């Protein structure tokens, strides 16, 4: 656990210091806001066997700082997301009325940097990465019927609700296009909610505007 904290603190320190160094004495532009919406293509299935659909959606609100002529930018972002509610029968037993209603929500407060690779006309591809604190909550409840004590222990060993905070990391690749004072962008992000479990997270494809 101590290693995770060291990695997180080091990443935050780099994110907060790299832009002033690269900008040198150039006065920074006013900070900008950006808003984006996204969906996780790895969790998108509109034709599931169980009732409902599999869809993981996110929204991001970001504040960014970038000096004129610098390829580096700092950013602080608030991410909110949810899975579409759905049902499943974990027992796969037609004699057991054990259908569950499952919902999942998550949020993240992250800090990081982005780096512009090059500019071609008005289009600029970029890389970004950072670290932050994530919060997830999982709700699993029976939709109908009565559960026996043995079924309750089998299907709900951790209770009906689970939630917690974790230190995670994120990285992504995107492209932005400037139109006057605004920018449109698309990006593929990877949010690992736990540095020790990089396969546990959300991977949204975002479309947004910076103004």
C-alpha atoms as a PDB file:
ATOM      1  CA  UNK A   1       0.000   0.000   0.000  1.00  0.00           C
ATOM      2  CA  UNK A   2       2.906   2.335   0.735  1.00  0.00           C
ATOM      3  CA  UNK A   3       4.180   1.852  -2.839  1.00  0.00           C
ATOM      4  CA  UNK A   4       0.821   2.928  -4.250  1.00  0.00           C
ATOM      5  CA  UNK A   5       0.877   6.127  -2.196  1.00  0.00           C
ATOM      6  CA  UNK A   6       4.414   6.945  -3.337  1.00  0.00           C
ATOM      7  CA  UNK A   7       3.456   6.466  -6.997  1.00  0.00           C
ATOM      8  CA  UNK A   8       0.349   8.619  -6.591  1.00  0.00           C
ATOM      9  CA  UNK A   9       2.127  11.468  -4.825  1.00  0.00           C
ATOM     10  CA  UNK A  10       5.007  11.411  -7.324  1.00  0.00           C
ATOM     11  CA  UNK A  11       2.634  11.529 -10.284  1.00  0.00           C
ATOM     12  CA  UNK A  12       0.746  14.466  -8.814  1.00  0.00           C
ATOM     13  CA  UNK A  13       3.990  16.337  -8.176  1.00  0.00           C
ATOM     14  CA  UNK A  14       5.105  15.845 -11.779  1.00  0.00           C
ATOM     15  CA  UNK A  15       1.705  16.903 -13.101  1.00  0.00           C
ATOM     16  CA  UNK A  16       1.721  20.132 -11.103  1.00  0.00           C
ATOM     17  CA  UNK A  17       5.320  21.086 -11.873  1.00  0.00           C
ATOM     18  CA  UNK A  18       5.977  20.210 -15.520  1.00  0.00           C
ATOM     19  CA  UNK A  19       3.980  23.015 -17.101  1.00  0.00           C
ATOM     20  CA  UNK A  20       5.603  25.967 -15.272  1.00  0.00           C
ATOM     21  CA  UNK A  21       9.030  24.561 -16.152  1.00  0.00           C
ATOM     22  CA  UNK A  22       8.181  24.169 -19.837  1.00  0.00           C
ATOM     23  CA  UNK A  23       6.487  27.570 -20.032  1.00  0.00           C
ATOM     24  CA  UNK A  24       9.492  29.349 -18.468  1.00  0.00           C
ATOM     25  CA  UNK A  25       8.669  33.052 -18.262  1.00  0.00           C
ATOM     26  CA  UNK A  26       5.766  32.992 -20.755  1.00  0.00           C
ATOM     27  CA  UNK A  27       2.524  34.185 -19.227  1.00  0.00           C
ATOM     28  CA  UNK A  28      -0.077  31.396 -19.221  1.00  0.00           C
ATOM     29  CA  UNK A  29      -3.357  31.646 -21.083  1.00  0.00           C
ATOM     30  CA  UNK A  30      -6.508  31.940 -18.993  1.00  0.00           C
ATOM     31  CA  UNK A  31      -7.659  28.512 -17.778  1.00  0.00           C
ATOM     32  CA  UNK A  32     -10.290  26.786 -19.864  1.00  0.00           C
ATOM     33  CA  UNK A  33     -13.218  24.524 -19.111  1.00  0.00           C
ATOM     34  CA  UNK A  34     -14.099  21.434 -21.087  1.00  0.00           C
ATOM     35  CA  UNK A  35     -17.117  19.157 -20.984  1.00  0.00           C
ATOM     36  CA  UNK A  36     -17.256  15.693 -22.507  1.00  0.00           C
ATOM     37  CA  UNK A  37     -19.525  12.646 -22.610  1.00  0.00           C
ATOM     38  CA  UNK A  38     -18.411   9.105 -23.267  1.00  0.00           C
ATOM     39  CA  UNK A  39     -19.290   5.437 -23.392  1.00  0.00           C
ATOM     40  CA  UNK A  40     -17.101   2.433 -22.638  1.00  0.00           C
ATOM     41  CA  UNK A  41     -16.934   0.288 -25.825  1.00  0.00           C
ATOM     42  CA  UNK A  42     -15.771  -2.723 -23.790  1.00  0.00           C
ATOM     43  CA  UNK A  43     -19.082  -2.669 -21.862  1.00  0.00           C
ATOM     44  CA  UNK A  44     -21.628  -2.021 -24.586  1.00  0.00           C
ATOM     45  CA  UNK A  45     -24.158  -4.702 -25.494  1.00  0.00           C
ATOM     46  CA  UNK A  46     -27.708  -3.796 -26.499  1.00  0.00           C
ATOM     47  CA  UNK A  47     -28.804  -7.413 -26.959  1.00  0.00           C
ATOM     48  CA  UNK A  48     -28.063  -9.148 -23.669  1.00  0.00           C
ATOM     49  CA  UNK A  49     -29.730 -12.415 -22.664  1.00  0.00           C
ATOM     50  CA  UNK A  50     -30.819 -10.918 -19.351  1.00  0.00           C
ATOM     51  CA  UNK A  51     -33.316  -8.027 -19.100  1.00  0.00           C
ATOM     52  CA  UNK A  52     -31.800  -4.613 -19.724  1.00  0.00           C
ATOM     53  CA  UNK A  53     -28.741  -3.529 -21.686  1.00  0.00           C
ATOM     54  CA  UNK A  54     -25.041  -3.421 -20.900  1.00  0.00           C
ATOM     55  CA  UNK A  55     -23.846   0.175 -21.182  1.00  0.00           C
ATOM     56  CA  UNK A  56     -21.256   2.116 -19.192  1.00  0.00           C
ATOM     57  CA  UNK A  57     -21.469   5.916 -19.571  1.00  0.00           C
ATOM     58  CA  UNK A  58     -19.373   8.784 -18.195  1.00  0.00           C
ATOM     59  CA  UNK A  59     -19.349  12.574 -18.059  1.00  0.00           C
ATOM     60  CA  UNK A  60     -16.244  14.712 -17.472  1.00  0.00           C
ATOM     61  CA  UNK A  61     -15.784  18.305 -16.355  1.00  0.00           C
ATOM     62  CA  UNK A  62     -12.197  19.525 -16.726  1.00  0.00           C
ATOM     63  CA  UNK A  63     -10.242  22.683 -15.916  1.00  0.00           C
ATOM     64  CA  UNK A  64      -7.012  23.056 -17.904  1.00  0.00           C
ATOM     65  CA  UNK A  65      -4.044  25.434 -18.087  1.00  0.00           C
ATOM     66  CA  UNK A  66      -1.671  25.776 -21.068  1.00  0.00           C
ATOM     67  CA  UNK A  67       0.887  28.485 -21.867  1.00  0.00           C
ATOM     68  CA  UNK A  68       1.196  29.885 -25.407  1.00  0.00           C
ATOM     69  CA  UNK A  69       3.744  27.931 -27.449  1.00  0.00           C
ATOM     70  CA  UNK A  70       3.917  25.114 -24.895  1.00  0.00           C
ATOM     71  CA  UNK A  71       2.984  21.544 -25.756  1.00  0.00           C
ATOM     72  CA  UNK A  72       2.250  20.757 -22.133  1.00  0.00           C
ATOM     73  CA  UNK A  73      -1.007  21.447 -20.330  1.00  0.00           C
ATOM     74  CA  UNK A  74      -2.126  20.770 -16.776  1.00  0.00           C
ATOM     75  CA  UNK A  75      -5.624  19.639 -15.965  1.00  0.00           C
ATOM     76  CA  UNK A  76      -7.905  18.801 -13.076  1.00  0.00           C
ATOM     77  CA  UNK A  77     -10.928  16.698 -13.908  1.00  0.00           C
ATOM     78  CA  UNK A  78     -14.096  15.468 -12.243  1.00  0.00           C
ATOM     79  CA  UNK A  79     -15.512  12.270 -13.737  1.00  0.00           C
ATOM     80  CA  UNK A  80     -18.969  10.848 -13.006  1.00  0.00           C
ATOM     81  CA  UNK A  81     -20.257   7.587 -14.441  1.00  0.00           C
ATOM     82  CA  UNK A  82     -22.884   4.902 -14.196  1.00  0.00           C
ATOM     83  CA  UNK A  83     -23.789   1.537 -15.649  1.00  0.00           C
ATOM     84  CA  UNK A  84     -27.228   1.086 -17.149  1.00  0.00           C
ATOM     85  CA  UNK A  85     -29.344  -0.881 -14.622  1.00  0.00           C
ATOM     86  CA  UNK A  86     -29.886  -4.489 -15.582  1.00  0.00           C
ATOM     87  CA  UNK A  87     -31.049  -7.826 -14.204  1.00  0.00           C
ATOM     88  CA  UNK A  88     -29.444 -11.242 -14.055  1.00  0.00           C
ATOM     89  CA  UNK A  89     -29.979 -14.658 -12.507  1.00  0.00           C
ATOM     90  CA  UNK A  90     -26.689 -15.555 -10.816  1.00  0.00           C
ATOM     91  CA  UNK A  91     -27.848 -19.081  -9.985  1.00  0.00           C
ATOM     92  CA  UNK A  92     -28.747 -20.089 -13.521  1.00  0.00           C
ATOM     93  CA  UNK A  93     -31.332 -22.326 -11.892  1.00  0.00           C
ATOM     94  CA  UNK A  94     -34.872 -22.189 -13.333  1.00  0.00           C
ATOM     95  CA  UNK A  95     -36.208 -23.433  -9.984  1.00  0.00           C
ATOM     96  CA  UNK A  96     -34.695 -20.495  -8.121  1.00  0.00           C
ATOM     97  CA  UNK A  97     -36.367 -17.089  -8.297  1.00  0.00           C
ATOM     98  CA  UNK A  98     -33.025 -15.371  -7.650  1.00  0.00           C
ATOM     99  CA  UNK A  99     -33.057 -12.541 -10.216  1.00  0.00           C
ATOM    100  CA  UNK A 100     -30.914  -9.584  -9.186  1.00  0.00           C
ATOM    101  CA  UNK A 101     -31.099  -5.908 -10.064  1.00  0.00           C
ATOM    102  CA  UNK A 102     -27.584  -4.540 -10.452  1.00  0.00           C
ATOM    103  CA  UNK A 103     -26.497  -0.901 -10.633  1.00  0.00           C
ATOM    104  CA  UNK A 104     -23.031   0.606 -10.464  1.00  0.00           C
ATOM    105  CA  UNK A 105     -21.853   4.198 -10.089  1.00  0.00           C
ATOM    106  CA  UNK A 106     -18.429   5.732  -9.851  1.00  0.00           C
ATOM    107  CA  UNK A 107     -16.657   9.066  -9.616  1.00  0.00           C
ATOM    108  CA  UNK A 108     -13.100  10.297  -9.868  1.00  0.00           C
ATOM    109  CA  UNK A 109     -11.162  13.458  -9.047  1.00  0.00           C
ATOM    110  CA  UNK A 110      -7.913  13.431 -11.021  1.00  0.00           C
ATOM    111  CA  UNK A 111      -4.941  15.668 -11.804  1.00  0.00           C
ATOM    112  CA  UNK A 112      -2.555  15.214 -14.699  1.00  0.00           C
ATOM    113  CA  UNK A 113      -0.876  16.556 -17.813  1.00  0.00           C
ATOM    114  CA  UNK A 114      -1.370  16.359 -21.559  1.00  0.00           C
ATOM    115  CA  UNK A 115       1.224  16.668 -24.302  1.00  0.00           C
ATOM    116  CA  UNK A 116       0.541  17.856 -27.860  1.00  0.00           C
ATOM    117  CA  UNK A 117       2.380  15.591 -30.315  1.00  0.00           C
ATOM    118  CA  UNK A 118       2.234  17.911 -33.319  1.00  0.00           C
ATOM    119  CA  UNK A 119      -0.145  20.237 -35.170  1.00  0.00           C
ATOM    120  CA  UNK A 120      -1.414  19.566 -38.698  1.00  0.00           C
ATOM    121  CA  UNK A 121      -3.647  22.385 -39.943  1.00  0.00           C
ATOM    122  CA  UNK A 122      -6.142  22.879 -37.115  1.00  0.00           C
ATOM    123  CA  UNK A 123      -5.847  19.302 -35.804  1.00  0.00           C
ATOM    124  CA  UNK A 124      -3.582  18.331 -32.899  1.00  0.00           C
ATOM    125  CA  UNK A 125      -3.173  14.789 -31.558  1.00  0.00           C
ATOM    126  CA  UNK A 126      -2.185  14.517 -27.900  1.00  0.00           C
ATOM    127  CA  UNK A 127      -1.341  12.155 -25.073  1.00  0.00           C
ATOM    128  CA  UNK A 128      -2.527  12.587 -21.507  1.00  0.00           C
ATOM    129  CA  UNK A 129      -2.137  10.897 -18.167  1.00  0.00           C
ATOM    130  CA  UNK A 130      -2.498  11.432 -14.453  1.00  0.00           C
ATOM    131  CA  UNK A 131      -3.585  10.022 -11.155  1.00  0.00           C
ATOM    132  CA  UNK A 132      -6.347  10.634  -8.649  1.00  0.00           C
ATOM    133  CA  UNK A 133      -8.888   9.371  -6.169  1.00  0.00           C
ATOM    134  CA  UNK A 134     -11.794   7.202  -7.311  1.00  0.00           C
ATOM    135  CA  UNK A 135     -15.024   6.205  -5.618  1.00  0.00           C
ATOM    136  CA  UNK A 136     -17.183   3.265  -6.686  1.00  0.00           C
ATOM    137  CA  UNK A 137     -20.478   1.921  -5.414  1.00  0.00           C
ATOM    138  CA  UNK A 138     -22.221  -1.307  -6.373  1.00  0.00           C
ATOM    139  CA  UNK A 139     -25.848  -2.089  -5.575  1.00  0.00           C
ATOM    140  CA  UNK A 140     -27.165  -5.647  -5.958  1.00  0.00           C
ATOM    141  CA  UNK A 141     -30.733  -6.389  -4.857  1.00  0.00           C
ATOM    142  CA  UNK A 142     -33.241  -9.191  -5.458  1.00  0.00           C
ATOM    143  CA  UNK A 143     -35.977  -8.161  -7.878  1.00  0.00           C
ATOM    144  CA  UNK A 144     -38.638 -10.588  -6.626  1.00  0.00           C
ATOM    145  CA  UNK A 145     -39.214 -13.716  -4.633  1.00  0.00           C
ATOM    146  CA  UNK A 146     -37.962 -14.780  -1.222  1.00  0.00           C
ATOM    147  CA  UNK A 147     -34.396 -15.877  -0.597  1.00  0.00           C
ATOM    148  CA  UNK A 148     -33.533 -18.642   1.827  1.00  0.00           C
ATOM    149  CA  UNK A 149     -30.649 -18.102   4.275  1.00  0.00           C
ATOM    150  CA  UNK A 150     -28.419 -20.362   2.177  1.00  0.00           C
ATOM    151  CA  UNK A 151     -29.234 -18.411  -1.011  1.00  0.00           C
ATOM    152  CA  UNK A 152     -28.631 -15.120   0.801  1.00  0.00           C
ATOM    153  CA  UNK A 153     -25.175 -16.322   1.901  1.00  0.00           C
ATOM    154  CA  UNK A 154     -24.404 -17.645  -1.578  1.00  0.00           C
ATOM    155  CA  UNK A 155     -25.519 -14.709  -3.733  1.00  0.00           C
ATOM    156  CA  UNK A 156     -24.948 -11.823  -1.288  1.00  0.00           C
ATOM    157  CA  UNK A 157     -21.820 -12.725   0.725  1.00  0.00           C
ATOM    158  CA  UNK A 158     -20.873  -9.031   0.980  1.00  0.00           C
ATOM    159  CA  UNK A 159     -24.372  -7.638   1.485  1.00  0.00           C
ATOM    160  CA  UNK A 160     -26.529  -5.642  -0.905  1.00  0.00           C
ATOM    161  CA  UNK A 161     -24.267  -2.566  -1.150  1.00  0.00           C
ATOM    162  CA  UNK A 162     -20.516  -2.191  -1.623  1.00  0.00           C
ATOM    163  CA  UNK A 163     -18.590   1.072  -1.911  1.00  0.00           C
ATOM    164  CA  UNK A 164     -15.144   2.439  -1.312  1.00  0.00           C
ATOM    165  CA  UNK A 165     -12.343   4.845  -2.244  1.00  0.00           C
ATOM    166  CA  UNK A 166      -9.131   3.931  -4.059  1.00  0.00           C
ATOM    167  CA  UNK A 167      -6.033   5.562  -5.558  1.00  0.00           C
ATOM    168  CA  UNK A 168      -5.861   5.040  -9.318  1.00  0.00           C
ATOM    169  CA  UNK A 169      -4.290   6.231 -12.550  1.00  0.00           C
ATOM    170  CA  UNK A 170      -5.436   7.196 -16.024  1.00  0.00           C
ATOM    171  CA  UNK A 171      -3.990   7.596 -19.512  1.00  0.00           C
ATOM    172  CA  UNK A 172      -5.329   8.334 -22.962  1.00  0.00           C
ATOM    173  CA  UNK A 173      -4.851   9.358 -26.577  1.00  0.00           C
ATOM    174  CA  UNK A 174      -6.923  11.985 -28.366  1.00  0.00           C
ATOM    175  CA  UNK A 175      -7.157  14.529 -31.139  1.00  0.00           C
ATOM    176  CA  UNK A 176      -8.465  18.094 -30.925  1.00  0.00           C
ATOM    177  CA  UNK A 177      -9.527  20.622 -33.545  1.00  0.00           C
ATOM    178  CA  UNK A 178      -9.645  24.380 -32.966  1.00  0.00           C
ATOM    179  CA  UNK A 179     -12.586  26.429 -34.204  1.00  0.00           C
ATOM    180  CA  UNK A 180     -12.068  30.039 -33.196  1.00  0.00           C
ATOM    181  CA  UNK A 181     -11.784  30.237 -29.418  1.00  0.00           C
ATOM    182  CA  UNK A 182     -13.180  26.729 -28.917  1.00  0.00           C
ATOM    183  CA  UNK A 183     -11.867  23.229 -29.426  1.00  0.00           C
ATOM    184  CA  UNK A 184     -13.666  20.009 -30.235  1.00  0.00           C
ATOM    185  CA  UNK A 185     -11.963  16.783 -29.228  1.00  0.00           C
ATOM    186  CA  UNK A 186     -12.327  13.017 -29.162  1.00  0.00           C
ATOM    187  CA  UNK A 187     -10.247  10.760 -26.953  1.00  0.00           C
ATOM    188  CA  UNK A 188      -9.926   7.212 -25.724  1.00  0.00           C
ATOM    189  CA  UNK A 189      -9.239   7.121 -21.991  1.00  0.00           C
ATOM    190  CA  UNK A 190      -8.274   4.338 -19.602  1.00  0.00           C
ATOM    191  CA  UNK A 191      -9.117   4.814 -15.922  1.00  0.00           C
ATOM    192  CA  UNK A 192      -7.686   2.189 -13.569  1.00  0.00           C
ATOM    193  CA  UNK A 193      -9.511   2.641 -10.269  1.00  0.00           C
ATOM    194  CA  UNK A 194      -6.761   0.843  -8.336  1.00  0.00           C
ATOM    195  CA  UNK A 195      -3.052   1.086  -9.184  1.00  0.00           C
ATOM    196  CA  UNK A 196      -2.650  -2.484  -7.956  1.00  0.00           C
ATOM    197  CA  UNK A 197      -5.457  -3.749 -10.258  1.00  0.00           C
ATOM    198  CA  UNK A 198      -5.069  -2.067 -13.640  1.00  0.00           C
ATOM    199  CA  UNK A 199      -7.814  -4.216 -15.187  1.00  0.00           C
ATOM    200  CA  UNK A 200     -10.390  -2.811 -12.756  1.00  0.00           C
ATOM    201  CA  UNK A 201     -11.807   0.434 -14.119  1.00  0.00           C
ATOM    202  CA  UNK A 202     -13.568   2.127 -17.005  1.00  0.00           C
ATOM    203  CA  UNK A 203     -12.332   2.833 -20.540  1.00  0.00           C
ATOM    204  CA  UNK A 204     -14.538   5.555 -22.057  1.00  0.00           C
ATOM    205  CA  UNK A 205     -14.435   6.925 -25.593  1.00  0.00           C
ATOM    206  CA  UNK A 206     -15.172  10.628 -25.017  1.00  0.00           C
ATOM    207  CA  UNK A 207     -16.460  13.396 -27.278  1.00  0.00           C
ATOM    208  CA  UNK A 208     -16.284  16.941 -25.914  1.00  0.00           C
ATOM    209  CA  UNK A 209     -15.807  20.669 -26.299  1.00  0.00           C
ATOM    210  CA  UNK A 210     -13.281  23.013 -24.663  1.00  0.00           C
ATOM    211  CA  UNK A 211     -14.238  26.676 -24.202  1.00  0.00           C
END
